[in-house]
Amino acid sequence: EGRKIWRVAHLSDIHVVGERFGFRIE
């Protein structure tokens, strides 16, 4: 109780593509 907690959302490798039905390279 009373301790400061930092909440960090960690995302990575979302690999946005430029086409509506595009697939990723990998």
mmCIF file of all heavy atoms, coordinates in Angstrom:
data_MODEL
# 
_entry.id   MODEL 
# 
loop_
_atom_site.group_PDB 
_atom_site.id 
_atom_site.type_symbol 
_atom_site.label_atom_id 
_atom_site.label_alt_id 
_atom_site.label_comp_id 
_atom_site.label_asym_id 
_atom_site.label_entity_id 
_atom_site.label_seq_id 
_atom_site.pdbx_PDB_ins_code 
_atom_site.Cartn_x 
_atom_site.Cartn_y 
_atom_site.Cartn_z 
_atom_site.occupancy 
_atom_site.B_iso_or_equiv 
_atom_site.pdbx_formal_charge 
_atom_site.auth_seq_id 
_atom_site.auth_comp_id 
_atom_site.auth_asym_id 
_atom_site.auth_atom_id 
_atom_site.pdbx_PDB_model_num 
ATOM 1   N N   . GLU A 1 1  ? 0.822   -1.209  0.000   1.00 0.00 ? 1  GLU A N   1 
ATOM 2   C CA  . GLU A 1 1  ? 0.000   0.000   0.000   1.00 0.00 ? 1  GLU A CA  1 
ATOM 3   C C   . GLU A 1 1  ? 0.859   1.265   0.000   1.00 0.00 ? 1  GLU A C   1 
ATOM 4   O O   . GLU A 1 1  ? 1.872   1.334   0.682   1.00 0.00 ? 1  GLU A O   1 
ATOM 5   C CB  . GLU A 1 1  ? -0.913  0.009   1.237   1.00 0.00 ? 1  GLU A CB  1 
ATOM 6   C CG  . GLU A 1 1  ? -2.005  -1.043  1.221   1.00 0.00 ? 1  GLU A CG  1 
ATOM 7   C CD  . GLU A 1 1  ? -3.028  -0.798  0.133   1.00 0.00 ? 1  GLU A CD  1 
ATOM 8   O OE1 . GLU A 1 1  ? -3.230  0.390   -0.214  1.00 0.00 ? 1  GLU A OE1 1 
ATOM 9   O OE2 . GLU A 1 1  ? -3.596  -1.763  -0.392  1.00 0.00 ? 1  GLU A OE2 1 
ATOM 10  N N   . GLY A 1 2  ? 0.426   2.223   -0.798  1.00 0.00 ? 2  GLY A N   1 
ATOM 11  C CA  . GLY A 1 2  ? 1.076   3.520   -0.801  1.00 0.00 ? 2  GLY A CA  1 
ATOM 12  C C   . GLY A 1 2  ? 2.253   3.652   -1.743  1.00 0.00 ? 2  GLY A C   1 
ATOM 13  O O   . GLY A 1 2  ? 2.778   4.751   -1.921  1.00 0.00 ? 2  GLY A O   1 
ATOM 14  N N   . ARG A 1 3  ? 2.692   2.544   -2.339  1.00 0.00 ? 3  ARG A N   1 
ATOM 15  C CA  . ARG A 1 3  ? 3.828   2.622   -3.265  1.00 0.00 ? 3  ARG A CA  1 
ATOM 16  C C   . ARG A 1 3  ? 3.357   3.095   -4.639  1.00 0.00 ? 3  ARG A C   1 
ATOM 17  O O   . ARG A 1 3  ? 2.295   2.695   -5.123  1.00 0.00 ? 3  ARG A O   1 
ATOM 18  C CB  . ARG A 1 3  ? 4.519   1.267   -3.400  1.00 0.00 ? 3  ARG A CB  1 
ATOM 19  C CG  . ARG A 1 3  ? 5.328   0.880   -2.165  1.00 0.00 ? 3  ARG A CG  1 
ATOM 20  C CD  . ARG A 1 3  ? 6.142   -0.379  -2.436  1.00 0.00 ? 3  ARG A CD  1 
ATOM 21  N NE  . ARG A 1 3  ? 6.951   -0.732  -1.282  1.00 0.00 ? 3  ARG A NE  1 
ATOM 22  C CZ  . ARG A 1 3  ? 8.147   -0.221  -1.026  1.00 0.00 ? 3  ARG A CZ  1 
ATOM 23  N NH1 . ARG A 1 3  ? 8.676   0.653   -1.848  1.00 0.00 ? 3  ARG A NH1 1 
ATOM 24  N NH2 . ARG A 1 3  ? 8.813   -0.595  0.053   1.00 0.00 ? 3  ARG A NH2 1 
ATOM 25  N N   . LYS A 1 4  ? 4.168   3.924   -5.254  1.00 0.00 ? 4  LYS A N   1 
ATOM 26  C CA  . LYS A 1 4  ? 3.869   4.402   -6.597  1.00 0.00 ? 4  LYS A CA  1 
ATOM 27  C C   . LYS A 1 4  ? 4.054   3.261   -7.596  1.00 0.00 ? 4  LYS A C   1 
ATOM 28  O O   . LYS A 1 4  ? 5.079   2.570   -7.595  1.00 0.00 ? 4  LYS A O   1 
ATOM 29  C CB  . LYS A 1 4  ? 4.800   5.577   -6.946  1.00 0.00 ? 4  LYS A CB  1 
ATOM 30  C CG  . LYS A 1 4  ? 4.775   5.992   -8.410  1.00 0.00 ? 4  LYS A CG  1 
ATOM 31  C CD  . LYS A 1 4  ? 3.413   6.525   -8.839  1.00 0.00 ? 4  LYS A CD  1 
ATOM 32  C CE  . LYS A 1 4  ? 3.425   6.961   -10.300 1.00 0.00 ? 4  LYS A CE  1 
ATOM 33  N NZ  . LYS A 1 4  ? 2.079   7.332   -10.789 1.00 0.00 ? 4  LYS A NZ  1 
ATOM 34  N N   . ILE A 1 5  ? 3.052   3.060   -8.454  1.00 0.00 ? 5  ILE A N   1 
ATOM 35  C CA  . ILE A 1 5  ? 3.120   2.047   -9.509  1.00 0.00 ? 5  ILE A CA  1 
ATOM 36  C C   . ILE A 1 5  ? 3.048   2.758   -10.851 1.00 0.00 ? 5  ILE A C   1 
ATOM 37  O O   . ILE A 1 5  ? 2.134   3.561   -11.097 1.00 0.00 ? 5  ILE A O   1 
ATOM 38  C CB  . ILE A 1 5  ? 1.963   1.032   -9.394  1.00 0.00 ? 5  ILE A CB  1 
ATOM 39  C CG1 . ILE A 1 5  ? 1.981   0.333   -8.035  1.00 0.00 ? 5  ILE A CG1 1 
ATOM 40  C CG2 . ILE A 1 5  ? 2.034   0.016   -10.535 1.00 0.00 ? 5  ILE A CG2 1 
ATOM 41  C CD1 . ILE A 1 5  ? 3.160   -0.563  -7.814  1.00 0.00 ? 5  ILE A CD1 1 
ATOM 42  N N   . TRP A 1 6  ? 4.007   2.484   -11.721 1.00 0.00 ? 6  TRP A N   1 
ATOM 43  C CA  . TRP A 1 6  ? 3.966   3.000   -13.091 1.00 0.00 ? 6  TRP A CA  1 
ATOM 44  C C   . TRP A 1 6  ? 3.413   1.903   -13.999 1.00 0.00 ? 6  TRP A C   1 
ATOM 45  O O   . TRP A 1 6  ? 3.946   0.792   -14.061 1.00 0.00 ? 6  TRP A O   1 
ATOM 46  C CB  . TRP A 1 6  ? 5.364   3.395   -13.555 1.00 0.00 ? 6  TRP A CB  1 
ATOM 47  C CG  . TRP A 1 6  ? 5.972   4.522   -12.764 1.00 0.00 ? 6  TRP A CG  1 
ATOM 48  C CD1 . TRP A 1 6  ? 5.530   5.811   -12.721 1.00 0.00 ? 6  TRP A CD1 1 
ATOM 49  C CD2 . TRP A 1 6  ? 7.113   4.462   -11.913 1.00 0.00 ? 6  TRP A CD2 1 
ATOM 50  N NE1 . TRP A 1 6  ? 6.342   6.564   -11.902 1.00 0.00 ? 6  TRP A NE1 1 
ATOM 51  C CE2 . TRP A 1 6  ? 7.331   5.758   -11.388 1.00 0.00 ? 6  TRP A CE2 1 
ATOM 52  C CE3 . TRP A 1 6  ? 7.996   3.443   -11.546 1.00 0.00 ? 6  TRP A CE3 1 
ATOM 53  C CZ2 . TRP A 1 6  ? 8.361   6.063   -10.521 1.00 0.00 ? 6  TRP A CZ2 1 
ATOM 54  C CZ3 . TRP A 1 6  ? 9.029   3.732   -10.676 1.00 0.00 ? 6  TRP A CZ3 1 
ATOM 55  C CH2 . TRP A 1 6  ? 9.215   5.026   -10.173 1.00 0.00 ? 6  TRP A CH2 1 
ATOM 56  N N   . ARG A 1 7  ? 2.359   2.234   -14.728 1.00 0.00 ? 7  ARG A N   1 
ATOM 57  C CA  . ARG A 1 7  ? 1.724   1.266   -15.627 1.00 0.00 ? 7  ARG A CA  1 
ATOM 58  C C   . ARG A 1 7  ? 2.205   1.515   -17.056 1.00 0.00 ? 7  ARG A C   1 
ATOM 59  O O   . ARG A 1 7  ? 1.976   2.596   -17.614 1.00 0.00 ? 7  ARG A O   1 
ATOM 60  C CB  . ARG A 1 7  ? 0.199   1.374   -15.533 1.00 0.00 ? 7  ARG A CB  1 
ATOM 61  C CG  . ARG A 1 7  ? -0.330  0.824   -14.206 1.00 0.00 ? 7  ARG A CG  1 
ATOM 62  C CD  . ARG A 1 7  ? -1.797  1.132   -13.986 1.00 0.00 ? 7  ARG A CD  1 
ATOM 63  N NE  . ARG A 1 7  ? -2.664  0.803   -15.105 1.00 0.00 ? 7  ARG A NE  1 
ATOM 64  C CZ  . ARG A 1 7  ? -3.080  -0.433  -15.393 1.00 0.00 ? 7  ARG A CZ  1 
ATOM 65  N NH1 . ARG A 1 7  ? -2.682  -1.469  -14.655 1.00 0.00 ? 7  ARG A NH1 1 
ATOM 66  N NH2 . ARG A 1 7  ? -3.896  -0.639  -16.413 1.00 0.00 ? 7  ARG A NH2 1 
ATOM 67  N N   . VAL A 1 8  ? 2.862   0.521   -17.619 1.00 0.00 ? 8  VAL A N   1 
ATOM 68  C CA  . VAL A 1 8  ? 3.489   0.646   -18.936 1.00 0.00 ? 8  VAL A CA  1 
ATOM 69  C C   . VAL A 1 8  ? 2.918   -0.405  -19.876 1.00 0.00 ? 8  VAL A C   1 
ATOM 70  O O   . VAL A 1 8  ? 3.103   -1.614  -19.655 1.00 0.00 ? 8  VAL A O   1 
ATOM 71  C CB  . VAL A 1 8  ? 5.024   0.482   -18.845 1.00 0.00 ? 8  VAL A CB  1 
ATOM 72  C CG1 . VAL A 1 8  ? 5.655   0.603   -20.226 1.00 0.00 ? 8  VAL A CG1 1 
ATOM 73  C CG2 . VAL A 1 8  ? 5.620   1.505   -17.882 1.00 0.00 ? 8  VAL A CG2 1 
ATOM 74  N N   . ALA A 1 9  ? 2.203   0.034   -20.893 1.00 0.00 ? 9  ALA A N   1 
ATOM 75  C CA  . ALA A 1 9  ? 1.734   -0.882  -21.933 1.00 0.00 ? 9  ALA A CA  1 
ATOM 76  C C   . ALA A 1 9  ? 2.875   -1.106  -22.916 1.00 0.00 ? 9  ALA A C   1 
ATOM 77  O O   . ALA A 1 9  ? 3.401   -0.149  -23.490 1.00 0.00 ? 9  ALA A O   1 
ATOM 78  C CB  . ALA A 1 9  ? 0.524   -0.295  -22.651 1.00 0.00 ? 9  ALA A CB  1 
ATOM 79  N N   . HIS A 1 10 ? 3.259   -2.369  -23.088 1.00 0.00 ? 10 HIS A N   1 
ATOM 80  C CA  . HIS A 1 10 ? 4.399   -2.697  -23.950 1.00 0.00 ? 10 HIS A CA  1 
ATOM 81  C C   . HIS A 1 10 ? 3.900   -3.460  -25.171 1.00 0.00 ? 10 HIS A C   1 
ATOM 82  O O   . HIS A 1 10 ? 3.483   -4.618  -25.080 1.00 0.00 ? 10 HIS A O   1 
ATOM 83  C CB  . HIS A 1 10 ? 5.419   -3.538  -23.173 1.00 0.00 ? 10 HIS A CB  1 
ATOM 84  C CG  . HIS A 1 10 ? 6.672   -3.830  -23.943 1.00 0.00 ? 10 HIS A CG  1 
ATOM 85  N ND1 . HIS A 1 10 ? 7.600   -4.775  -23.535 1.00 0.00 ? 10 HIS A ND1 1 
ATOM 86  C CD2 . HIS A 1 10 ? 7.159   -3.322  -25.108 1.00 0.00 ? 10 HIS A CD2 1 
ATOM 87  C CE1 . HIS A 1 10 ? 8.590   -4.818  -24.396 1.00 0.00 ? 10 HIS A CE1 1 
ATOM 88  N NE2 . HIS A 1 10 ? 8.336   -3.946  -25.371 1.00 0.00 ? 10 HIS A NE2 1 
ATOM 89  N N   . LEU A 1 11 ? 3.942   -2.795  -26.310 1.00 0.00 ? 11 LEU A N   1 
ATOM 90  C CA  . LEU A 1 11 ? 3.618   -3.418  -27.594 1.00 0.00 ? 11 LEU A CA  1 
ATOM 91  C C   . LEU A 1 11 ? 4.888   -3.501  -28.421 1.00 0.00 ? 11 LEU A C   1 
ATOM 92  O O   . LEU A 1 11 ? 5.844   -2.756  -28.206 1.00 0.00 ? 11 LEU A O   1 
ATOM 93  C CB  . LEU A 1 11 ? 2.579   -2.601  -28.355 1.00 0.00 ? 11 LEU A CB  1 
ATOM 94  C CG  . LEU A 1 11 ? 1.274   -2.246  -27.640 1.00 0.00 ? 11 LEU A CG  1 
ATOM 95  C CD1 . LEU A 1 11 ? 0.396   -1.399  -28.549 1.00 0.00 ? 11 LEU A CD1 1 
ATOM 96  C CD2 . LEU A 1 11 ? 0.539   -3.494  -27.197 1.00 0.00 ? 11 LEU A CD2 1 
ATOM 97  N N   . SER A 1 12 ? 4.887   -4.397  -29.381 1.00 0.00 ? 12 SER A N   1 
ATOM 98  C CA  . SER A 1 12 ? 6.026   -4.478  -30.288 1.00 0.00 ? 12 SER A CA  1 
ATOM 99  C C   . SER A 1 12 ? 5.619   -5.243  -31.544 1.00 0.00 ? 12 SER A C   1 
ATOM 100 O O   . SER A 1 12 ? 4.677   -6.041  -31.539 1.00 0.00 ? 12 SER A O   1 
ATOM 101 C CB  . SER A 1 12 ? 7.207   -5.198  -29.607 1.00 0.00 ? 12 SER A CB  1 
ATOM 102 O OG  . SER A 1 12 ? 8.410   -4.971  -30.322 1.00 0.00 ? 12 SER A OG  1 
ATOM 103 N N   . ASP A 1 13 ? 6.308   -4.952  -32.629 1.00 0.00 ? 13 ASP A N   1 
ATOM 104 C CA  . ASP A 1 13 ? 6.175   -5.736  -33.867 1.00 0.00 ? 13 ASP A CA  1 
ATOM 105 C C   . ASP A 1 13 ? 4.728   -5.808  -34.353 1.00 0.00 ? 13 ASP A C   1 
ATOM 106 O O   . ASP A 1 13 ? 4.167   -6.881  -34.557 1.00 0.00 ? 13 ASP A O   1 
ATOM 107 C CB  . ASP A 1 13 ? 6.743   -7.140  -33.650 1.00 0.00 ? 13 ASP A CB  1 
ATOM 108 C CG  . ASP A 1 13 ? 8.219   -7.109  -33.285 1.00 0.00 ? 13 ASP A CG  1 
ATOM 109 O OD1 . ASP A 1 13 ? 8.511   -7.006  -32.083 1.00 0.00 ? 13 ASP A OD1 1 
ATOM 110 O OD2 . ASP A 1 13 ? 9.056   -7.158  -34.187 1.00 0.00 ? 13 ASP A OD2 1 
ATOM 111 N N   . ILE A 1 14 ? 4.144   -4.640  -34.583 1.00 0.00 ? 14 ILE A N   1 
ATOM 112 C CA  . ILE A 1 14 ? 2.768   -4.596  -35.071 1.00 0.00 ? 14 ILE A CA  1 
ATOM 113 C C   . ILE A 1 14 ? 2.710   -4.665  -36.600 1.00 0.00 ? 14 ILE A C   1 
ATOM 114 O O   . ILE A 1 14 ? 1.658   -4.952  -37.160 1.00 0.00 ? 14 ILE A O   1 
ATOM 115 C CB  . ILE A 1 14 ? 2.034   -3.347  -34.553 1.00 0.00 ? 14 ILE A CB  1 
ATOM 116 C CG1 . ILE A 1 14 ? 2.800   -2.070  -34.919 1.00 0.00 ? 14 ILE A CG1 1 
ATOM 117 C CG2 . ILE A 1 14 ? 1.845   -3.426  -33.042 1.00 0.00 ? 14 ILE A CG2 1 
ATOM 118 C CD1 . ILE A 1 14 ? 2.127   -0.796  -34.470 1.00 0.00 ? 14 ILE A CD1 1 
ATOM 119 N N   . HIS A 1 15 ? 3.804   -4.378  -37.290 1.00 0.00 ? 15 HIS A N   1 
ATOM 120 C CA  . HIS A 1 15 ? 3.971   -4.650  -38.722 1.00 0.00 ? 15 HIS A CA  1 
ATOM 121 C C   . HIS A 1 15 ? 2.780   -4.163  -39.559 1.00 0.00 ? 15 HIS A C   1 
ATOM 122 O O   . HIS A 1 15 ? 2.124   -4.947  -40.268 1.00 0.00 ? 15 HIS A O   1 
ATOM 123 C CB  . HIS A 1 15 ? 4.184   -6.146  -38.950 1.00 0.00 ? 15 HIS A CB  1 
ATOM 124 C CG  . HIS A 1 15 ? 5.519   -6.638  -38.508 1.00 0.00 ? 15 HIS A CG  1 
ATOM 125 N ND1 . HIS A 1 15 ? 6.574   -6.827  -39.379 1.00 0.00 ? 15 HIS A ND1 1 
ATOM 126 C CD2 . HIS A 1 15 ? 5.986   -6.969  -37.275 1.00 0.00 ? 15 HIS A CD2 1 
ATOM 127 C CE1 . HIS A 1 15 ? 7.632   -7.264  -38.710 1.00 0.00 ? 15 HIS A CE1 1 
ATOM 128 N NE2 . HIS A 1 15 ? 7.299   -7.351  -37.419 1.00 0.00 ? 15 HIS A NE2 1 
ATOM 129 N N   . VAL A 1 16 ? 2.512   -2.871  -39.496 1.00 0.00 ? 16 VAL A N   1 
ATOM 130 C CA  . VAL A 1 16 ? 1.416   -2.304  -40.284 1.00 0.00 ? 16 VAL A CA  1 
ATOM 131 C C   . VAL A 1 16 ? 1.711   -2.468  -41.778 1.00 0.00 ? 16 VAL A C   1 
ATOM 132 O O   . VAL A 1 16 ? 2.834   -2.223  -42.242 1.00 0.00 ? 16 VAL A O   1 
ATOM 133 C CB  . VAL A 1 16 ? 1.233   -0.813  -39.948 1.00 0.00 ? 16 VAL A CB  1 
ATOM 134 C CG1 . VAL A 1 16 ? 0.222   -0.163  -40.881 1.00 0.00 ? 16 VAL A CG1 1 
ATOM 135 C CG2 . VAL A 1 16 ? 0.796   -0.655  -38.495 1.00 0.00 ? 16 VAL A CG2 1 
ATOM 136 N N   . VAL A 1 17 ? 0.708   -2.906  -42.529 1.00 0.00 ? 17 VAL A N   1 
ATOM 137 C CA  . VAL A 1 17 ? 0.835   -3.027  -43.982 1.00 0.00 ? 17 VAL A CA  1 
ATOM 138 C C   . VAL A 1 17 ? 0.057   -1.897  -44.646 1.00 0.00 ? 17 VAL A C   1 
ATOM 139 O O   . VAL A 1 17 ? -0.819  -1.287  -44.027 1.00 0.00 ? 17 VAL A O   1 
ATOM 140 C CB  . VAL A 1 17 ? 0.350   -4.400  -44.489 1.00 0.00 ? 17 VAL A CB  1 
ATOM 141 C CG1 . VAL A 1 17 ? 1.290   -5.501  -44.026 1.00 0.00 ? 17 VAL A CG1 1 
ATOM 142 C CG2 . VAL A 1 17 ? -1.075  -4.684  -44.033 1.00 0.00 ? 17 VAL A CG2 1 
ATOM 143 N N   . GLY A 1 18 ? 0.365   -1.644  -45.898 1.00 0.00 ? 18 GLY A N   1 
ATOM 144 C CA  . GLY A 1 18 ? -0.248  -0.514  -46.594 1.00 0.00 ? 18 GLY A CA  1 
ATOM 145 C C   . GLY A 1 18 ? -1.460  -0.880  -47.419 1.00 0.00 ? 18 GLY A C   1 
ATOM 146 O O   . GLY A 1 18 ? -2.026  -0.022  -48.101 1.00 0.00 ? 18 GLY A O   1 
ATOM 147 N N   . GLU A 1 19 ? -1.883  -2.162  -47.370 1.00 0.00 ? 19 GLU A N   1 
ATOM 148 C CA  . GLU A 1 19 ? -3.023  -2.603  -48.163 1.00 0.00 ? 19 GLU A CA  1 
ATOM 149 C C   . GLU A 1 19 ? -4.073  -3.228  -47.254 1.00 0.00 ? 19 GLU A C   1 
ATOM 150 O O   . GLU A 1 19 ? -3.761  -3.865  -46.251 1.00 0.00 ? 19 GLU A O   1 
ATOM 151 C CB  . GLU A 1 19 ? -2.595  -3.646  -49.219 1.00 0.00 ? 19 GLU A CB  1 
ATOM 152 C CG  . GLU A 1 19 ? -1.475  -3.199  -50.136 1.00 0.00 ? 19 GLU A CG  1 
ATOM 153 C CD  . GLU A 1 19 ? -0.105  -3.453  -49.526 1.00 0.00 ? 19 GLU A CD  1 
ATOM 154 O OE1 . GLU A 1 19 ? -0.016  -4.254  -48.575 1.00 0.00 ? 19 GLU A OE1 1 
ATOM 155 O OE2 . GLU A 1 19 ? 0.866   -2.847  -50.000 1.00 0.00 ? 19 GLU A OE2 1 
ATOM 156 N N   . ARG A 1 20 ? -5.316  -3.090  -47.636 1.00 0.00 ? 20 ARG A N   1 
ATOM 157 C CA  . ARG A 1 20 ? -6.418  -3.588  -46.816 1.00 0.00 ? 20 ARG A CA  1 
ATOM 158 C C   . ARG A 1 20 ? -6.323  -5.094  -46.597 1.00 0.00 ? 20 ARG A C   1 
ATOM 159 O O   . ARG A 1 20 ? -6.619  -5.596  -45.510 1.00 0.00 ? 20 ARG A O   1 
ATOM 160 C CB  . ARG A 1 20 ? -7.740  -3.238  -47.498 1.00 0.00 ? 20 ARG A CB  1 
ATOM 161 C CG  . ARG A 1 20 ? -8.969  -3.674  -46.718 1.00 0.00 ? 20 ARG A CG  1 
ATOM 162 C CD  . ARG A 1 20 ? -10.229 -3.325  -47.478 1.00 0.00 ? 20 ARG A CD  1 
ATOM 163 N NE  . ARG A 1 20 ? -11.425 -3.872  -46.835 1.00 0.00 ? 20 ARG A NE  1 
ATOM 164 C CZ  . ARG A 1 20 ? -12.621 -3.909  -47.400 1.00 0.00 ? 20 ARG A CZ  1 
ATOM 165 N NH1 . ARG A 1 20 ? -12.773 -3.406  -48.637 1.00 0.00 ? 20 ARG A NH1 1 
ATOM 166 N NH2 . ARG A 1 20 ? -13.644 -4.433  -46.767 1.00 0.00 ? 20 ARG A NH2 1 
ATOM 167 N N   . PHE A 1 21 ? -5.903  -5.824  -47.615 1.00 0.00 ? 21 PHE A N   1 
ATOM 168 C CA  . PHE A 1 21 ? -5.780  -7.277  -47.492 1.00 0.00 ? 21 PHE A CA  1 
ATOM 169 C C   . PHE A 1 21 ? -4.321  -7.727  -47.625 1.00 0.00 ? 21 PHE A C   1 
ATOM 170 O O   . PHE A 1 21 ? -4.050  -8.864  -47.994 1.00 0.00 ? 21 PHE A O   1 
ATOM 171 C CB  . PHE A 1 21 ? -6.642  -7.976  -48.560 1.00 0.00 ? 21 PHE A CB  1 
ATOM 172 C CG  . PHE A 1 21 ? -8.119  -7.752  -48.378 1.00 0.00 ? 21 PHE A CG  1 
ATOM 173 C CD1 . PHE A 1 21 ? -8.809  -6.858  -49.183 1.00 0.00 ? 21 PHE A CD1 1 
ATOM 174 C CD2 . PHE A 1 21 ? -8.811  -8.416  -47.377 1.00 0.00 ? 21 PHE A CD2 1 
ATOM 175 C CE1 . PHE A 1 21 ? -10.165 -6.641  -49.017 1.00 0.00 ? 21 PHE A CE1 1 
ATOM 176 C CE2 . PHE A 1 21 ? -10.167 -8.205  -47.195 1.00 0.00 ? 21 PHE A CE2 1 
ATOM 177 C CZ  . PHE A 1 21 ? -10.850 -7.314  -48.012 1.00 0.00 ? 21 PHE A CZ  1 
ATOM 178 N N   . GLY A 1 22 ? -3.388  -6.827  -47.314 1.00 0.00 ? 22 GLY A N   1 
ATOM 179 C CA  . GLY A 1 22 ? -1.970  -7.161  -47.455 1.00 0.00 ? 22 GLY A CA  1 
ATOM 180 C C   . GLY A 1 22 ? -1.492  -8.124  -46.382 1.00 0.00 ? 22 GLY A C   1 
ATOM 181 O O   . GLY A 1 22 ? -1.955  -8.106  -45.239 1.00 0.00 ? 22 GLY A O   1 
ATOM 182 N N   . PHE A 1 23 ? -0.537  -8.979  -46.756 1.00 0.00 ? 23 PHE A N   1 
ATOM 183 C CA  . PHE A 1 23 ? 0.090   -9.903  -45.820 1.00 0.00 ? 23 PHE A CA  1 
ATOM 184 C C   . PHE A 1 23 ? 1.477   -9.395  -45.455 1.00 0.00 ? 23 PHE A C   1 
ATOM 185 O O   . PHE A 1 23 ? 2.075   -8.589  -46.176 1.00 0.00 ? 23 PHE A O   1 
ATOM 186 C CB  . PHE A 1 23 ? 0.186   -11.310 -46.419 1.00 0.00 ? 23 PHE A CB  1 
ATOM 187 C CG  . PHE A 1 23 ? -1.144  -12.001 -46.537 1.00 0.00 ? 23 PHE A CG  1 
ATOM 188 C CD1 . PHE A 1 23 ? -1.920  -11.872 -47.687 1.00 0.00 ? 23 PHE A CD1 1 
ATOM 189 C CD2 . PHE A 1 23 ? -1.638  -12.769 -45.498 1.00 0.00 ? 23 PHE A CD2 1 
ATOM 190 C CE1 . PHE A 1 23 ? -3.149  -12.497 -47.797 1.00 0.00 ? 23 PHE A CE1 1 
ATOM 191 C CE2 . PHE A 1 23 ? -2.867  -13.406 -45.587 1.00 0.00 ? 23 PHE A CE2 1 
ATOM 192 C CZ  . PHE A 1 23 ? -3.631  -13.265 -46.753 1.00 0.00 ? 23 PHE A CZ  1 
ATOM 193 N N   . ARG A 1 24 ? 2.016   -9.893  -44.331 1.00 0.00 ? 24 ARG A N   1 
ATOM 194 C CA  . ARG A 1 24 ? 3.331   -9.469  -43.860 1.00 0.00 ? 24 ARG A CA  1 
ATOM 195 C C   . ARG A 1 24 ? 4.439   -10.242 -44.573 1.00 0.00 ? 24 ARG A C   1 
ATOM 196 O O   . ARG A 1 24 ? 4.241   -11.385 -44.996 1.00 0.00 ? 24 ARG A O   1 
ATOM 197 C CB  . ARG A 1 24 ? 3.460   -9.685  -42.353 1.00 0.00 ? 24 ARG A CB  1 
ATOM 198 C CG  . ARG A 1 24 ? 2.930   -8.554  -41.508 1.00 0.00 ? 24 ARG A CG  1 
ATOM 199 C CD  . ARG A 1 24 ? 1.444   -8.556  -41.405 1.00 0.00 ? 24 ARG A CD  1 
ATOM 200 N NE  . ARG A 1 24 ? 0.947   -7.415  -40.609 1.00 0.00 ? 24 ARG A NE  1 
ATOM 201 C CZ  . ARG A 1 24 ? -0.319  -7.035  -40.612 1.00 0.00 ? 24 ARG A CZ  1 
ATOM 202 N NH1 . ARG A 1 24 ? -1.221  -7.685  -41.316 1.00 0.00 ? 24 ARG A NH1 1 
ATOM 203 N NH2 . ARG A 1 24 ? -0.694  -5.988  -39.884 1.00 0.00 ? 24 ARG A NH2 1 
ATOM 204 N N   . ILE A 1 25 ? 5.612   -9.615  -44.660 1.00 0.00 ? 25 ILE A N   1 
ATOM 205 C CA  . ILE A 1 25 ? 6.763   -10.248 -45.297 1.00 0.00 ? 25 ILE A CA  1 
ATOM 206 C C   . ILE A 1 25 ? 7.105   -11.556 -44.610 1.00 0.00 ? 25 ILE A C   1 
ATOM 207 O O   . ILE A 1 25 ? 7.245   -12.601 -45.255 1.00 0.00 ? 25 ILE A O   1 
ATOM 208 C CB  . ILE A 1 25 ? 7.990   -9.309  -45.240 1.00 0.00 ? 25 ILE A CB  1 
ATOM 209 C CG1 . ILE A 1 25 ? 7.733   -8.008  -45.979 1.00 0.00 ? 25 ILE A CG1 1 
ATOM 210 C CG2 . ILE A 1 25 ? 9.221   -10.010 -45.814 1.00 0.00 ? 25 ILE A CG2 1 
ATOM 211 C CD1 . ILE A 1 25 ? 8.795   -6.961  -45.736 1.00 0.00 ? 25 ILE A CD1 1 
ATOM 212 N N   . GLU A 1 26 ? 7.255   -11.493 -43.301 1.00 0.00 ? 26 GLU A N   1 
ATOM 213 C CA  . GLU A 1 26 ? 7.778   -12.631 -42.548 1.00 0.00 ? 26 GLU A CA  1 
ATOM 214 C C   . GLU A 1 26 ? 6.789   -13.784 -42.469 1.00 0.00 ? 26 GLU A C   1 
ATOM 215 O O   . GLU A 1 26 ? 7.154   -14.948 -42.601 1.00 0.00 ? 26 GLU A O   1 
ATOM 216 C CB  . GLU A 1 26 ? 8.146   -12.177 -41.140 1.00 0.00 ? 26 GLU A CB  1 
ATOM 217 C CG  . GLU A 1 26 ? 8.791   -13.242 -40.284 1.00 0.00 ? 26 GLU A CG  1 
ATOM 218 C CD  . GLU A 1 26 ? 9.178   -12.722 -38.915 1.00 0.00 ? 26 GLU A CD  1 
ATOM 219 O OE1 . GLU A 1 26 ? 9.376   -11.503 -38.783 1.00 0.00 ? 26 GLU A OE1 1 
ATOM 220 O OE2 . GLU A 1 26 ? 9.277   -13.543 -37.991 1.00 0.00 ? 26 GLU A OE2 1 
# 
